[in-house]
Amino acid sequence: MIDMKKFLGQVSSEIYYGKDKRTTKYVSEKLVIKATRRGKYRKNGNVEIVLTIGRPNYIERKFIKCCKKAGEKFPIKKIQLKPYPKKGK
């Protein structure tokens, strides 16, 4: 049985306290939980977070395939972090 509350708490707290744009938790081969921060971090503490629960996209499916090849067990323990893109000049 999958404990969704635990995974949702991990993903949302990681993005709330960190400075990353997106966090992804791989629960199974067919289920991914993502939290995306909308907008930049504000000084007043308000953060808008979008939670997505569902099937993995193309890049995530490639990552899952690599994890299976390496022998990782699901759910993958570490949360994948994606930072904000760097500004160009």
N, C-alpha and C. Protein backbone atom coordinates (compact mmCIF):
# COMPACT_ATOMS: atom_id res chain seq x y z
N MET A 1 0.84 -1.18 0.00
CA MET A 1 0.00 0.00 0.00
C MET A 1 0.88 1.25 0.00
N ILE A 2 0.56 2.20 -0.83
CA ILE A 2 1.34 3.43 -0.97
C ILE A 2 0.82 4.47 0.02
N ASP A 3 1.73 5.06 0.79
CA ASP A 3 1.38 6.11 1.75
C ASP A 3 1.54 7.46 1.06
N MET A 4 0.46 7.94 0.43
CA MET A 4 0.51 9.17 -0.37
C MET A 4 0.77 10.40 0.49
N LYS A 5 0.24 10.44 1.72
CA LYS A 5 0.43 11.60 2.59
C LYS A 5 1.91 11.82 2.86
N LYS A 6 2.64 10.74 3.07
CA LYS A 6 4.07 10.84 3.35
C LYS A 6 4.81 11.41 2.15
N PHE A 7 4.49 10.92 0.94
CA PHE A 7 5.17 11.39 -0.27
C PHE A 7 4.81 12.84 -0.58
N LEU A 8 3.54 13.21 -0.40
CA LEU A 8 3.13 14.60 -0.64
C LEU A 8 3.83 15.54 0.33
N GLY A 9 3.96 15.13 1.56
CA GLY A 9 4.65 15.94 2.55
C GLY A 9 6.13 16.12 2.23
N GLN A 10 6.78 15.06 1.77
CA GLN A 10 8.19 15.14 1.41
C GLN A 10 8.40 16.11 0.25
N VAL A 11 7.58 15.97 -0.79
CA VAL A 11 7.75 16.79 -1.99
C VAL A 11 7.45 18.25 -1.70
N SER A 12 6.36 18.52 -1.01
CA SER A 12 5.98 19.92 -0.77
C SER A 12 6.93 20.61 0.21
N SER A 13 7.38 19.92 1.24
CA SER A 13 8.30 20.56 2.19
C SER A 13 9.66 20.81 1.54
N GLU A 14 10.09 19.93 0.67
CA GLU A 14 11.37 20.10 -0.01
C GLU A 14 11.36 21.35 -0.89
N ILE A 15 10.25 21.60 -1.58
CA ILE A 15 10.20 22.77 -2.46
C ILE A 15 9.92 24.04 -1.67
N TYR A 16 9.21 23.93 -0.55
CA TYR A 16 8.90 25.12 0.24
C TYR A 16 10.15 25.69 0.91
N TYR A 17 10.97 24.82 1.48
CA TYR A 17 12.14 25.28 2.19
C TYR A 17 13.37 25.43 1.31
N GLY A 18 13.40 24.82 0.14
CA GLY A 18 14.54 24.92 -0.75
C GLY A 18 14.39 26.07 -1.73
N LYS A 19 15.34 26.20 -2.63
CA LYS A 19 15.33 27.26 -3.63
C LYS A 19 15.19 26.68 -5.05
N ASP A 20 14.62 25.50 -5.16
CA ASP A 20 14.49 24.85 -6.46
C ASP A 20 13.13 25.14 -7.08
N LYS A 21 13.04 24.94 -8.40
CA LYS A 21 11.80 25.20 -9.13
C LYS A 21 10.87 24.00 -9.08
N ARG A 22 11.42 22.77 -9.20
CA ARG A 22 10.57 21.58 -9.26
C ARG A 22 11.21 20.45 -8.48
N THR A 23 10.38 19.69 -7.78
CA THR A 23 10.82 18.47 -7.11
C THR A 23 9.98 17.32 -7.62
N THR A 24 10.60 16.16 -7.79
CA THR A 24 9.90 15.00 -8.32
C THR A 24 10.19 13.79 -7.45
N LYS A 25 9.14 13.07 -7.08
CA LYS A 25 9.26 11.82 -6.31
C LYS A 25 8.74 10.69 -7.19
N TYR A 26 9.56 9.68 -7.41
CA TYR A 26 9.19 8.53 -8.22
C TYR A 26 8.65 7.44 -7.30
N VAL A 27 7.33 7.27 -7.29
CA VAL A 27 6.68 6.32 -6.41
C VAL A 27 6.72 4.93 -7.02
N SER A 28 6.39 4.81 -8.29
CA SER A 28 6.46 3.54 -9.00
C SER A 28 6.78 3.84 -10.46
N GLU A 29 6.80 2.79 -11.27
CA GLU A 29 7.09 2.98 -12.69
C GLU A 29 6.00 3.78 -13.40
N LYS A 30 4.80 3.75 -12.87
CA LYS A 30 3.66 4.40 -13.51
C LYS A 30 3.13 5.59 -12.72
N LEU A 31 3.73 5.94 -11.57
CA LEU A 31 3.22 7.02 -10.74
C LEU A 31 4.35 7.93 -10.29
N VAL A 32 4.15 9.24 -10.54
CA VAL A 32 5.12 10.26 -10.18
C VAL A 32 4.39 11.39 -9.46
N ILE A 33 5.02 11.94 -8.42
CA ILE A 33 4.47 13.10 -7.72
C ILE A 33 5.43 14.26 -7.92
N LYS A 34 4.91 15.38 -8.46
CA LYS A 34 5.74 16.55 -8.73
C LYS A 34 5.16 17.76 -8.00
N ALA A 35 6.05 18.61 -7.50
CA ALA A 35 5.66 19.89 -6.93
C ALA A 35 6.45 20.96 -7.67
N THR A 36 5.74 21.97 -8.20
CA THR A 36 6.36 23.03 -8.96
C THR A 36 6.06 24.37 -8.30
N ARG A 37 7.10 25.15 -8.11
CA ARG A 37 6.92 26.48 -7.53
C ARG A 37 6.60 27.45 -8.66
N ARG A 38 5.54 28.22 -8.49
CA ARG A 38 5.15 29.21 -9.49
C ARG A 38 5.62 30.57 -9.02
N GLY A 39 6.42 31.21 -9.84
CA GLY A 39 6.96 32.51 -9.47
C GLY A 39 8.19 32.36 -8.60
N LYS A 40 8.84 33.45 -8.36
CA LYS A 40 10.04 33.45 -7.52
C LYS A 40 9.66 33.48 -6.04
N TYR A 41 10.63 33.21 -5.21
CA TYR A 41 10.43 33.24 -3.76
C TYR A 41 10.20 34.68 -3.33
N ARG A 42 9.17 34.91 -2.55
CA ARG A 42 8.83 36.26 -2.11
C ARG A 42 9.27 36.47 -0.66
N LYS A 43 9.58 37.71 -0.33
CA LYS A 43 10.08 38.02 1.01
C LYS A 43 9.01 37.86 2.08
N ASN A 44 7.73 38.02 1.71
CA ASN A 44 6.68 37.91 2.72
C ASN A 44 6.35 36.46 3.07
N GLY A 45 6.96 35.49 2.41
CA GLY A 45 6.79 34.09 2.76
C GLY A 45 5.72 33.35 1.97
N ASN A 46 4.98 34.06 1.11
CA ASN A 46 3.97 33.38 0.31
C ASN A 46 4.61 32.64 -0.85
N VAL A 47 4.29 31.38 -0.97
CA VAL A 47 4.82 30.55 -2.05
C VAL A 47 3.64 29.82 -2.69
N GLU A 48 3.54 29.90 -4.01
CA GLU A 48 2.48 29.20 -4.72
C GLU A 48 3.06 27.91 -5.27
N ILE A 49 2.48 26.77 -4.87
CA ILE A 49 2.99 25.45 -5.26
C ILE A 49 1.89 24.70 -6.00
N VAL A 50 2.26 24.09 -7.14
CA VAL A 50 1.34 23.27 -7.90
C VAL A 50 1.76 21.81 -7.74
N LEU A 51 0.86 20.97 -7.22
CA LEU A 51 1.14 19.54 -7.05
C LEU A 51 0.55 18.77 -8.23
N THR A 52 1.33 17.87 -8.81
CA THR A 52 0.89 17.05 -9.92
C THR A 52 1.12 15.59 -9.55
N ILE A 53 0.07 14.79 -9.65
CA ILE A 53 0.16 13.36 -9.38
C ILE A 53 -0.32 12.63 -10.61
N GLY A 54 0.51 11.74 -11.17
CA GLY A 54 0.08 11.03 -12.36
C GLY A 54 1.21 10.29 -13.03
N ARG A 55 1.01 10.07 -14.34
CA ARG A 55 1.99 9.32 -15.12
C ARG A 55 3.22 10.17 -15.41
N PRO A 56 4.38 9.53 -15.56
CA PRO A 56 5.60 10.28 -15.87
C PRO A 56 5.61 10.76 -17.32
N ASN A 57 6.29 11.90 -17.54
CA ASN A 57 6.44 12.40 -18.90
C ASN A 57 7.62 11.71 -19.58
N TYR A 58 7.98 12.17 -20.77
CA TYR A 58 9.00 11.49 -21.58
C TYR A 58 10.35 11.44 -20.88
N ILE A 59 10.81 12.57 -20.34
CA ILE A 59 12.12 12.61 -19.69
C ILE A 59 12.12 11.75 -18.43
N GLU A 60 11.03 11.78 -17.69
CA GLU A 60 10.93 10.96 -16.48
C GLU A 60 10.90 9.48 -16.79
N ARG A 61 10.27 9.10 -17.91
CA ARG A 61 10.27 7.68 -18.32
C ARG A 61 11.68 7.22 -18.65
N LYS A 62 12.48 8.09 -19.29
CA LYS A 62 13.87 7.75 -19.59
C LYS A 62 14.67 7.56 -18.29
N PHE A 63 14.41 8.42 -17.30
CA PHE A 63 15.08 8.31 -16.00
C PHE A 63 14.70 7.02 -15.30
N ILE A 64 13.42 6.66 -15.36
CA ILE A 64 12.94 5.41 -14.75
C ILE A 64 13.60 4.21 -15.40
N LYS A 65 13.74 4.25 -16.72
CA LYS A 65 14.39 3.16 -17.44
C LYS A 65 15.85 3.00 -16.99
N CYS A 66 16.55 4.12 -16.80
CA CYS A 66 17.94 4.07 -16.32
C CYS A 66 18.02 3.54 -14.90
N CYS A 67 17.05 3.92 -14.06
CA CYS A 67 17.03 3.43 -12.67
C CYS A 67 16.80 1.93 -12.62
N LYS A 68 15.88 1.44 -13.45
CA LYS A 68 15.62 0.00 -13.48
C LYS A 68 16.84 -0.76 -13.96
N LYS A 69 17.56 -0.18 -14.93
CA LYS A 69 18.76 -0.81 -15.46
C LYS A 69 19.85 -0.87 -14.39
N ALA A 70 19.90 0.16 -13.52
CA ALA A 70 20.89 0.21 -12.45
C ALA A 70 20.50 -0.64 -11.25
N GLY A 71 19.24 -1.11 -11.20
CA GLY A 71 18.81 -1.98 -10.12
C GLY A 71 18.16 -1.26 -8.95
N GLU A 72 17.71 -0.03 -9.16
CA GLU A 72 17.03 0.72 -8.09
C GLU A 72 15.66 0.12 -7.81
N LYS A 73 15.27 0.16 -6.55
CA LYS A 73 13.94 -0.32 -6.13
C LYS A 73 12.99 0.88 -6.03
N PHE A 74 11.72 0.63 -6.29
CA PHE A 74 10.71 1.68 -6.18
C PHE A 74 9.98 1.54 -4.86
N PRO A 75 9.61 2.63 -4.21
CA PRO A 75 9.80 4.04 -4.57
C PRO A 75 11.26 4.44 -4.38
N ILE A 76 11.75 5.28 -5.27
CA ILE A 76 13.13 5.76 -5.19
C ILE A 76 13.22 6.71 -4.00
N LYS A 77 14.21 6.49 -3.14
CA LYS A 77 14.28 7.20 -1.87
C LYS A 77 14.57 8.69 -2.02
N LYS A 78 15.46 9.04 -2.94
CA LYS A 78 15.84 10.44 -3.09
C LYS A 78 14.83 11.18 -3.97
N ILE A 79 14.62 12.44 -3.65
CA ILE A 79 13.75 13.30 -4.44
C ILE A 79 14.62 14.03 -5.46
N GLN A 80 14.16 14.05 -6.70
CA GLN A 80 14.90 14.71 -7.77
C GLN A 80 14.57 16.20 -7.75
N LEU A 81 15.60 17.05 -7.74
CA LEU A 81 15.43 18.50 -7.69
C LEU A 81 15.83 19.11 -9.02
N LYS A 82 15.06 20.10 -9.47
CA LYS A 82 15.38 20.82 -10.69
C LYS A 82 15.43 22.31 -10.35
N PRO A 83 16.60 22.94 -10.47
CA PRO A 83 16.73 24.36 -10.10
C PRO A 83 16.13 25.28 -11.16
N TYR A 84 16.03 26.55 -10.81
CA TYR A 84 15.62 27.56 -11.79
C TYR A 84 16.69 27.66 -12.88
N PRO A 85 16.30 27.93 -14.13
CA PRO A 85 17.30 28.10 -15.17
C PRO A 85 18.13 29.36 -14.93
N LYS A 86 19.39 29.31 -15.34
CA LYS A 86 20.27 30.45 -15.16
C LYS A 86 19.97 31.51 -16.21
N LYS A 87 20.11 32.77 -15.81
CA LYS A 87 19.84 33.87 -16.73
C LYS A 87 20.99 34.00 -17.72
N GLY A 88 20.63 34.24 -18.97
CA GLY A 88 21.65 34.48 -19.98
C GLY A 88 21.97 35.95 -20.08
N LYS A 89 23.08 36.25 -20.71
CA LYS A 89 23.47 37.66 -20.85
C LYS A 89 23.07 38.21 -22.18
